[in-house]
PDB file of N, CA and C in Angstrom:
ATOM      1  N   UNK A   1       0.844  -1.160   0.011  1.00  0.00           N
ATOM      2  CA  UNK A   1      -0.005   0.002   0.007  1.00  0.00           C
ATOM      3  C   UNK A   1       0.903   1.237  -0.011  1.00  0.00           C
ATOM      4  N   UNK A   2       0.489   2.257  -0.773  1.00  0.00           N
ATOM      5  CA  UNK A   2       1.199   3.515  -0.822  1.00  0.00           C
ATOM      6  C   UNK A   2       0.278   4.639  -0.435  1.00  0.00           C
ATOM      7  N   UNK A   3       0.807   5.636   0.212  1.00  0.00           N
ATOM      8  CA  UNK A   3       0.078   6.854   0.592  1.00  0.00           C
ATOM      9  C   UNK A   3       0.822   8.043  -0.031  1.00  0.00           C
ATOM     10  N   UNK A   4       0.116   8.759  -0.899  1.00  0.00           N
ATOM     11  CA  UNK A   4       0.660   9.973  -1.503  1.00  0.00           C
ATOM     12  C   UNK A   4       0.008  11.145  -0.786  1.00  0.00           C
ATOM     13  N   UNK A   5       0.806  12.067  -0.303  1.00  0.00           N
ATOM     14  CA  UNK A   5       0.266  13.226   0.435  1.00  0.00           C
ATOM     15  C   UNK A   5       0.796  14.506  -0.180  1.00  0.00           C
ATOM     16  N   UNK A   6      -0.099  15.478  -0.274  1.00  0.00           N
ATOM     17  CA  UNK A   6       0.322  16.799  -0.736  1.00  0.00           C
ATOM     18  C   UNK A   6      -0.535  17.845  -0.034  1.00  0.00           C
ATOM     19  N   UNK A   7      -0.066  19.097  -0.060  1.00  0.00           N
ATOM     20  CA  UNK A   7      -0.803  20.160   0.616  1.00  0.00           C
ATOM     21  C   UNK A   7      -2.069  20.526  -0.138  1.00  0.00           C
ATOM     22  N   UNK A   8      -2.029  20.428  -1.492  1.00  0.00           N
ATOM     23  CA  UNK A   8      -3.239  20.783  -2.256  1.00  0.00           C
ATOM     24  C   UNK A   8      -3.275  19.994  -3.554  1.00  0.00           C
ATOM     25  N   UNK A   9      -4.489  19.769  -4.036  1.00  0.00           N
ATOM     26  CA  UNK A   9      -4.661  19.139  -5.328  1.00  0.00           C
ATOM     27  C   UNK A   9      -5.394  20.163  -6.188  1.00  0.00           C
ATOM     28  N   UNK A  10      -4.704  20.656  -7.214  1.00  0.00           N
ATOM     29  CA  UNK A  10      -5.298  21.640  -8.097  1.00  0.00           C
ATOM     30  C   UNK A  10      -5.841  20.913  -9.326  1.00  0.00           C
ATOM     31  N   UNK A  11      -5.007  20.640 -10.336  1.00  0.00           N
ATOM     32  CA  UNK A  11      -5.480  19.934 -11.511  1.00  0.00           C
ATOM     33  C   UNK A  11      -5.268  18.424 -11.406  1.00  0.00           C
ATOM     34  N   UNK A  12      -4.568  17.961 -10.375  1.00  0.00           N
ATOM     35  CA  UNK A  12      -4.280  16.546 -10.083  1.00  0.00           C
ATOM     36  C   UNK A  12      -3.262  15.889 -11.012  1.00  0.00           C
ATOM     37  N   UNK A  13      -2.655  16.663 -11.898  1.00  0.00           N
ATOM     38  CA  UNK A  13      -1.657  16.096 -12.797  1.00  0.00           C
ATOM     39  C   UNK A  13      -0.451  15.488 -12.050  1.00  0.00           C
ATOM     40  N   UNK A  14       0.043  16.206 -11.071  1.00  0.00           N
ATOM     41  CA  UNK A  14       1.202  15.707 -10.305  1.00  0.00           C
ATOM     42  C   UNK A  14       0.853  14.447  -9.521  1.00  0.00           C
ATOM     43  N   UNK A  15      -0.361  14.401  -9.006  1.00  0.00           N
ATOM     44  CA  UNK A  15      -0.793  13.229  -8.202  1.00  0.00           C
ATOM     45  C   UNK A  15      -0.915  11.990  -9.076  1.00  0.00           C
ATOM     46  N   UNK A  16      -1.504  12.137 -10.257  1.00  0.00           N
ATOM     47  CA  UNK A  16      -1.654  11.024 -11.181  1.00  0.00           C
ATOM     48  C   UNK A  16      -0.296  10.577 -11.673  1.00  0.00           C
ATOM     49  N   UNK A  17       0.610  11.532 -11.953  1.00  0.00           N
ATOM     50  CA  UNK A  17       1.968  11.163 -12.380  1.00  0.00           C
ATOM     51  C   UNK A  17       2.728  10.468 -11.281  1.00  0.00           C
ATOM     52  N   UNK A  18       2.552  10.875 -10.040  1.00  0.00           N
ATOM     53  CA  UNK A  18       3.206  10.222  -8.895  1.00  0.00           C
ATOM     54  C   UNK A  18       2.750   8.788  -8.752  1.00  0.00           C
ATOM     55  N   UNK A  19       1.425   8.576  -8.930  1.00  0.00           N
ATOM     56  CA  UNK A  19       0.882   7.219  -8.848  1.00  0.00           C
ATOM     57  C   UNK A  19       1.505   6.334  -9.944  1.00  0.00           C
ATOM     58  N   UNK A  20       1.574   6.849 -11.149  1.00  0.00           N
ATOM     59  CA  UNK A  20       2.145   6.081 -12.272  1.00  0.00           C
ATOM     60  C   UNK A  20       3.602   5.786 -12.033  1.00  0.00           C
ATOM     61  N   UNK A  21       4.348   6.740 -11.508  1.00  0.00           N
ATOM     62  CA  UNK A  21       5.777   6.530 -11.233  1.00  0.00           C
ATOM     63  C   UNK A  21       5.977   5.417 -10.176  1.00  0.00           C
ATOM     64  N   UNK A  22       5.124   5.420  -9.148  1.00  0.00           N
ATOM     65  CA  UNK A  22       5.215   4.382  -8.126  1.00  0.00           C
ATOM     66  C   UNK A  22       4.904   3.012  -8.717  1.00  0.00           C
ATOM     67  N   UNK A  23       3.887   2.924  -9.565  1.00  0.00           N
ATOM     68  CA  UNK A  23       3.566   1.663 -10.203  1.00  0.00           C
ATOM     69  C   UNK A  23       4.707   1.173 -11.065  1.00  0.00           C
ATOM     70  N   UNK A  24       5.349   2.070 -11.809  1.00  0.00           N
ATOM     71  CA  UNK A  24       6.475   1.686 -12.648  1.00  0.00           C
ATOM     72  C   UNK A  24       7.651   1.182 -11.848  1.00  0.00           C
ATOM     73  N   UNK A  25       7.761   1.608 -10.599  1.00  0.00           N
ATOM     74  CA  UNK A  25       8.839   1.159  -9.736  1.00  0.00           C
ATOM     75  C   UNK A  25       8.488  -0.091  -8.905  1.00  0.00           C
ATOM     76  N   UNK A  26       7.315  -0.653  -9.200  1.00  0.00           N
ATOM     77  CA  UNK A  26       6.923  -1.899  -8.551  1.00  0.00           C
ATOM     78  C   UNK A  26       5.980  -1.811  -7.384  1.00  0.00           C
ATOM     79  N   UNK A  27       5.441  -0.635  -7.138  1.00  0.00           N
ATOM     80  CA  UNK A  27       4.492  -0.473  -6.027  1.00  0.00           C
ATOM     81  C   UNK A  27       3.225  -1.256  -6.295  1.00  0.00           C
ATOM     82  N   UNK A  28       2.569  -1.688  -5.250  1.00  0.00           N
ATOM     83  CA  UNK A  28       1.285  -2.352  -5.376  1.00  0.00           C
ATOM     84  C   UNK A  28       0.232  -1.355  -5.855  1.00  0.00           C
ATOM     85  N   UNK A  29      -0.812  -1.848  -6.469  1.00  0.00           N
ATOM     86  CA  UNK A  29      -1.849  -0.997  -7.032  1.00  0.00           C
ATOM     87  C   UNK A  29      -2.687  -0.265  -5.985  1.00  0.00           C
ATOM     88  N   UNK A  30      -2.700  -0.740  -4.753  1.00  0.00           N
ATOM     89  CA  UNK A  30      -3.521  -0.113  -3.714  1.00  0.00           C
ATOM     90  C   UNK A  30      -2.857   1.167  -3.214  1.00  0.00           C
ATOM     91  N   UNK A  31      -3.342   2.304  -3.710  1.00  0.00           N
ATOM     92  CA  UNK A  31      -2.765   3.600  -3.331  1.00  0.00           C
ATOM     93  C   UNK A  31      -3.846   4.563  -2.864  1.00  0.00           C
ATOM     94  N   UNK A  32      -3.455   5.353  -1.896  1.00  0.00           N
ATOM     95  CA  UNK A  32      -4.336   6.388  -1.334  1.00  0.00           C
ATOM     96  C   UNK A  32      -3.728   7.737  -1.615  1.00  0.00           C
ATOM     97  N   UNK A  33      -4.583   8.726  -1.833  1.00  0.00           N
ATOM     98  CA  UNK A  33      -4.144  10.104  -1.995  1.00  0.00           C
ATOM     99  C   UNK A  33      -4.763  10.917  -0.856  1.00  0.00           C
ATOM    100  N   UNK A  34      -3.952  11.689  -0.168  1.00  0.00           N
ATOM    101  CA  UNK A  34      -4.415  12.591   0.880  1.00  0.00           C
ATOM    102  C   UNK A  34      -3.910  13.989   0.575  1.00  0.00           C
ATOM    103  N   UNK A  35      -4.795  14.951   0.806  1.00  0.00           N
ATOM    104  CA  UNK A  35      -4.417  16.348   0.582  1.00  0.00           C
ATOM    105  C   UNK A  35      -5.187  17.236   1.546  1.00  0.00           C
ATOM    106  N   UNK A  36      -4.555  18.340   1.893  1.00  0.00           N
ATOM    107  CA  UNK A  36      -5.187  19.284   2.802  1.00  0.00           C
ATOM    108  C   UNK A  36      -6.247  20.122   2.092  1.00  0.00           C
ATOM    109  N   UNK A  37      -5.898  20.667   0.922  1.00  0.00           N
ATOM    110  CA  UNK A  37      -6.792  21.594   0.237  1.00  0.00           C
ATOM    111  C   UNK A  37      -7.258  21.016  -1.119  1.00  0.00           C
ATOM    112  N   UNK A  38      -8.533  20.686  -1.236  1.00  0.00           N
ATOM    113  CA  UNK A  38      -9.076  20.129  -2.477  1.00  0.00           C
ATOM    114  C   UNK A  38      -9.505  21.243  -3.456  1.00  0.00           C
ATOM    115  N   UNK A  39      -8.571  21.815  -4.161  1.00  0.00           N
ATOM    116  CA  UNK A  39      -8.918  22.871  -5.074  1.00  0.00           C
ATOM    117  C   UNK A  39      -9.715  22.342  -6.275  1.00  0.00           C
ATOM    118  N   UNK A  40      -9.268  21.226  -6.846  1.00  0.00           N
ATOM    119  CA  UNK A  40      -9.993  20.506  -7.889  1.00  0.00           C
ATOM    120  C   UNK A  40     -10.394  21.410  -9.058  1.00  0.00           C
ATOM    121  N   UNK A  41      -9.447  21.980  -9.737  1.00  0.00           N
ATOM    122  CA  UNK A  41      -9.748  22.826 -10.892  1.00  0.00           C
ATOM    123  C   UNK A  41      -9.481  22.082 -12.195  1.00  0.00           C
ATOM    124  N   UNK A  42     -10.004  22.635 -13.289  1.00  0.00           N
ATOM    125  CA  UNK A  42      -9.771  22.049 -14.602  1.00  0.00           C
ATOM    126  C   UNK A  42     -10.116  20.579 -14.678  1.00  0.00           C
ATOM    127  N   UNK A  43      -9.147  19.760 -15.129  1.00  0.00           N
ATOM    128  CA  UNK A  43      -9.399  18.329 -15.333  1.00  0.00           C
ATOM    129  C   UNK A  43      -9.250  17.457 -14.082  1.00  0.00           C
ATOM    130  N   UNK A  44      -9.171  18.056 -12.923  1.00  0.00           N
ATOM    131  CA  UNK A  44      -8.878  17.283 -11.693  1.00  0.00           C
ATOM    132  C   UNK A  44      -9.855  16.154 -11.474  1.00  0.00           C
ATOM    133  N   UNK A  45     -11.139  16.422 -11.557  1.00  0.00           N
ATOM    134  CA  UNK A  45     -12.129  15.362 -11.240  1.00  0.00           C
ATOM    135  C   UNK A  45     -12.019  14.218 -12.235  1.00  0.00           C
ATOM    136  N   UNK A  46     -11.884  14.530 -13.498  1.00  0.00           N
ATOM    137  CA  UNK A  46     -11.742  13.464 -14.504  1.00  0.00           C
ATOM    138  C   UNK A  46     -10.475  12.653 -14.237  1.00  0.00           C
ATOM    139  N   UNK A  47      -9.386  13.320 -13.927  1.00  0.00           N
ATOM    140  CA  UNK A  47      -8.115  12.627 -13.649  1.00  0.00           C
ATOM    141  C   UNK A  47      -8.216  11.754 -12.442  1.00  0.00           C
ATOM    142  N   UNK A  48      -8.757  12.294 -11.341  1.00  0.00           N
ATOM    143  CA  UNK A  48      -8.829  11.537 -10.096  1.00  0.00           C
ATOM    144  C   UNK A  48      -9.817  10.377 -10.199  1.00  0.00           C
ATOM    145  N   UNK A  49     -10.907  10.600 -10.899  1.00  0.00           N
ATOM    146  CA  UNK A  49     -11.898   9.541 -11.062  1.00  0.00           C
ATOM    147  C   UNK A  49     -11.330   8.342 -11.816  1.00  0.00           C
ATOM    148  N   UNK A  50     -10.452   8.614 -12.762  1.00  0.00           N
ATOM    149  CA  UNK A  50      -9.898   7.539 -13.594  1.00  0.00           C
ATOM    150  C   UNK A  50      -8.521   7.057 -13.180  1.00  0.00           C
ATOM    151  N   UNK A  51      -7.961   7.630 -12.144  1.00  0.00           N
ATOM    152  CA  UNK A  51      -6.580   7.302 -11.783  1.00  0.00           C
ATOM    153  C   UNK A  51      -6.429   5.961 -11.099  1.00  0.00           C
ATOM    154  N   UNK A  52      -7.467   5.494 -10.422  1.00  0.00           N
ATOM    155  CA  UNK A  52      -7.375   4.200  -9.754  1.00  0.00           C
ATOM    156  C   UNK A  52      -6.955   4.269  -8.288  1.00  0.00           C
ATOM    157  N   UNK A  53      -7.036   5.436  -7.664  1.00  0.00           N
ATOM    158  CA  UNK A  53      -6.740   5.506  -6.228  1.00  0.00           C
ATOM    159  C   UNK A  53      -7.815   4.732  -5.463  1.00  0.00           C
ATOM    160  N   UNK A  54      -7.400   4.047  -4.442  1.00  0.00           N
ATOM    161  CA  UNK A  54      -8.365   3.318  -3.584  1.00  0.00           C
ATOM    162  C   UNK A  54      -9.291   4.317  -2.914  1.00  0.00           C
ATOM    163  N   UNK A  55      -8.703   5.431  -2.452  1.00  0.00           N
ATOM    164  CA  UNK A  55      -9.496   6.487  -1.823  1.00  0.00           C
ATOM    165  C   UNK A  55      -8.718   7.798  -1.954  1.00  0.00           C
ATOM    166  N   UNK A  56      -9.456   8.889  -2.107  1.00  0.00           N
ATOM    167  CA  UNK A  56      -8.893  10.236  -2.128  1.00  0.00           C
ATOM    168  C   UNK A  56      -9.447  10.938  -0.897  1.00  0.00           C
ATOM    169  N   UNK A  57      -8.586  11.247   0.050  1.00  0.00           N
ATOM    170  CA  UNK A  57      -8.995  11.807   1.349  1.00  0.00           C
ATOM    171  C   UNK A  57      -8.516  13.259   1.417  1.00  0.00           C
ATOM    172  N   UNK A  58      -9.453  14.156   1.632  1.00  0.00           N
ATOM    173  CA  UNK A  58      -9.144  15.594   1.695  1.00  0.00           C
ATOM    174  C   UNK A  58      -9.813  16.195   2.923  1.00  0.00           C
ATOM    175  N   UNK A  59      -9.322  17.357   3.323  1.00  0.00           N
ATOM    176  CA  UNK A  59      -9.922  18.063   4.456  1.00  0.00           C
ATOM    177  C   UNK A  59     -11.093  18.894   3.964  1.00  0.00           C
ATOM    178  N   UNK A  60     -11.843  19.438   4.893  1.00  0.00           N
ATOM    179  CA  UNK A  60     -12.957  20.327   4.546  1.00  0.00           C
ATOM    180  C   UNK A  60     -12.531  21.797   4.599  1.00  0.00           C
ATOM    181  N   UNK A  61     -11.254  22.046   4.338  1.00  0.00           N
ATOM    182  CA  UNK A  61     -10.748  23.430   4.314  1.00  0.00           C
ATOM    183  C   UNK A  61     -11.367  24.247   3.205  1.00  0.00           C
ATOM    184  N   UNK A  62     -11.898  23.539   2.200  1.00  0.00           N
ATOM    185  CA  UNK A  62     -12.589  24.168   1.082  1.00  0.00           C
ATOM    186  C   UNK A  62     -13.845  23.359   0.796  1.00  0.00           C
ATOM    187  N   UNK A  63     -14.957  23.997   0.472  1.00  0.00           N
ATOM    188  CA  UNK A  63     -16.153  23.236   0.125  1.00  0.00           C
ATOM    189  C   UNK A  63     -15.971  22.530  -1.219  1.00  0.00           C
ATOM    190  N   UNK A  64     -16.580  21.364  -1.356  1.00  0.00           N
ATOM    191  CA  UNK A  64     -16.537  20.621  -2.629  1.00  0.00           C
ATOM    192  C   UNK A  64     -17.978  20.541  -3.123  1.00  0.00           C
ATOM    193  N   UNK A  65     -18.222  21.172  -4.260  1.00  0.00           N
ATOM    194  CA  UNK A  65     -19.591  21.165  -4.822  1.00  0.00           C
ATOM    195  C   UNK A  65     -19.961  19.743  -5.229  1.00  0.00           C
ATOM    196  N   UNK A  66     -21.220  19.493  -5.356  1.00  0.00           N
ATOM    197  CA  UNK A  66     -21.712  18.149  -5.748  1.00  0.00           C
ATOM    198  C   UNK A  66     -21.139  17.732  -7.096  1.00  0.00           C
ATOM    199  N   UNK A  67     -20.928  18.693  -8.010  1.00  0.00           N
ATOM    200  CA  UNK A  67     -20.406  18.373  -9.332  1.00  0.00           C
ATOM    201  C   UNK A  67     -18.958  17.859  -9.259  1.00  0.00           C
ATOM    202  N   UNK A  68     -18.266  18.183  -8.181  1.00  0.00           N
ATOM    203  CA  UNK A  68     -16.860  17.775  -8.039  1.00  0.00           C
ATOM    204  C   UNK A  68     -16.676  16.578  -7.136  1.00  0.00           C
ATOM    205  N   UNK A  69     -17.747  15.977  -6.696  1.00  0.00           N
ATOM    206  CA  UNK A  69     -17.628  14.785  -5.855  1.00  0.00           C
ATOM    207  C   UNK A  69     -17.626  13.550  -6.743  1.00  0.00           C
ATOM    208  N   UNK A  70     -16.897  12.535  -6.347  1.00  0.00           N
ATOM    209  CA  UNK A  70     -16.763  11.332  -7.160  1.00  0.00           C
ATOM    210  C   UNK A  70     -16.574  10.125  -6.231  1.00  0.00           C
ATOM    211  N   UNK A  71     -16.764   8.958  -6.806  1.00  0.00           N
ATOM    212  CA  UNK A  71     -16.612   7.707  -6.038  1.00  0.00           C
ATOM    213  C   UNK A  71     -15.182   7.603  -5.510  1.00  0.00           C
ATOM    214  N   UNK A  72     -15.056   7.295  -4.232  1.00  0.00           N
ATOM    215  CA  UNK A  72     -13.748   7.164  -3.617  1.00  0.00           C
ATOM    216  C   UNK A  72     -13.265   8.420  -2.923  1.00  0.00           C
ATOM    217  N   UNK A  73     -14.023   9.512  -3.029  1.00  0.00           N
ATOM    218  CA  UNK A  73     -13.647  10.763  -2.351  1.00  0.00           C
ATOM    219  C   UNK A  73     -14.184  10.765  -0.926  1.00  0.00           C
ATOM    220  N   UNK A  74     -13.315  11.084   0.012  1.00  0.00           N
ATOM    221  CA  UNK A  74     -13.720  11.201   1.429  1.00  0.00           C
ATOM    222  C   UNK A  74     -13.214  12.531   1.945  1.00  0.00           C
ATOM    223  N   UNK A  75     -14.129  13.319   2.473  1.00  0.00           N
ATOM    224  CA  UNK A  75     -13.757  14.614   3.038  1.00  0.00           C
ATOM    225  C   UNK A  75     -13.876  14.545   4.544  1.00  0.00           C
ATOM    226  N   UNK A  76     -12.794  14.920   5.255  1.00  0.00           N
ATOM    227  CA  UNK A  76     -12.767  14.852   6.733  1.00  0.00           C
ATOM    228  C   UNK A  76     -12.646  16.253   7.289  1.00  0.00           C
ATOM    229  N   UNK A  77     -13.185  16.427   8.468  1.00  0.00           N
ATOM    230  CA  UNK A  77     -13.225  17.737   9.149  1.00  0.00           C
ATOM    231  C   UNK A  77     -11.876  18.090   9.743  1.00  0.00           C
ATOM    232  N   UNK A  78     -11.514  19.371   9.669  1.00  0.00           N
ATOM    233  CA  UNK A  78     -10.305  19.859  10.326  1.00  0.00           C
ATOM    234  C   UNK A  78     -10.641  20.450  11.697  1.00  0.00           C
ATOM    235  N   UNK A  79     -11.909  20.413  12.058  1.00  0.00           N
ATOM    236  CA  UNK A  79     -12.317  20.956  13.374  1.00  0.00           C
ATOM    237  C   UNK A  79     -11.811  20.051  14.480  1.00  0.00           C
ATOM    238  N   UNK A  80     -11.651  20.618  15.683  1.00  0.00           N
ATOM    239  CA  UNK A  80     -11.145  19.796  16.796  1.00  0.00           C
ATOM    240  C   UNK A  80     -12.118  18.669  17.156  1.00  0.00           C
TER     241      UNK A  80
END
């Protein structure tokens, strides 16, 4: 299992490329993506939906509209 973490996901290009690089180096297919700020602009939703992450976990530091929600997305609270 691999966990990729970043402070923000904007277009998700770096995250998808990181996943592919790990697979090429022999990582198992079960990968999780975690990020603090789900900006999700441009092609991000399409990329993340098709990338094959087991789960994409983000904080609620930014609202995520219904149009930007997808299977495997989990938003967690940053409140105490």
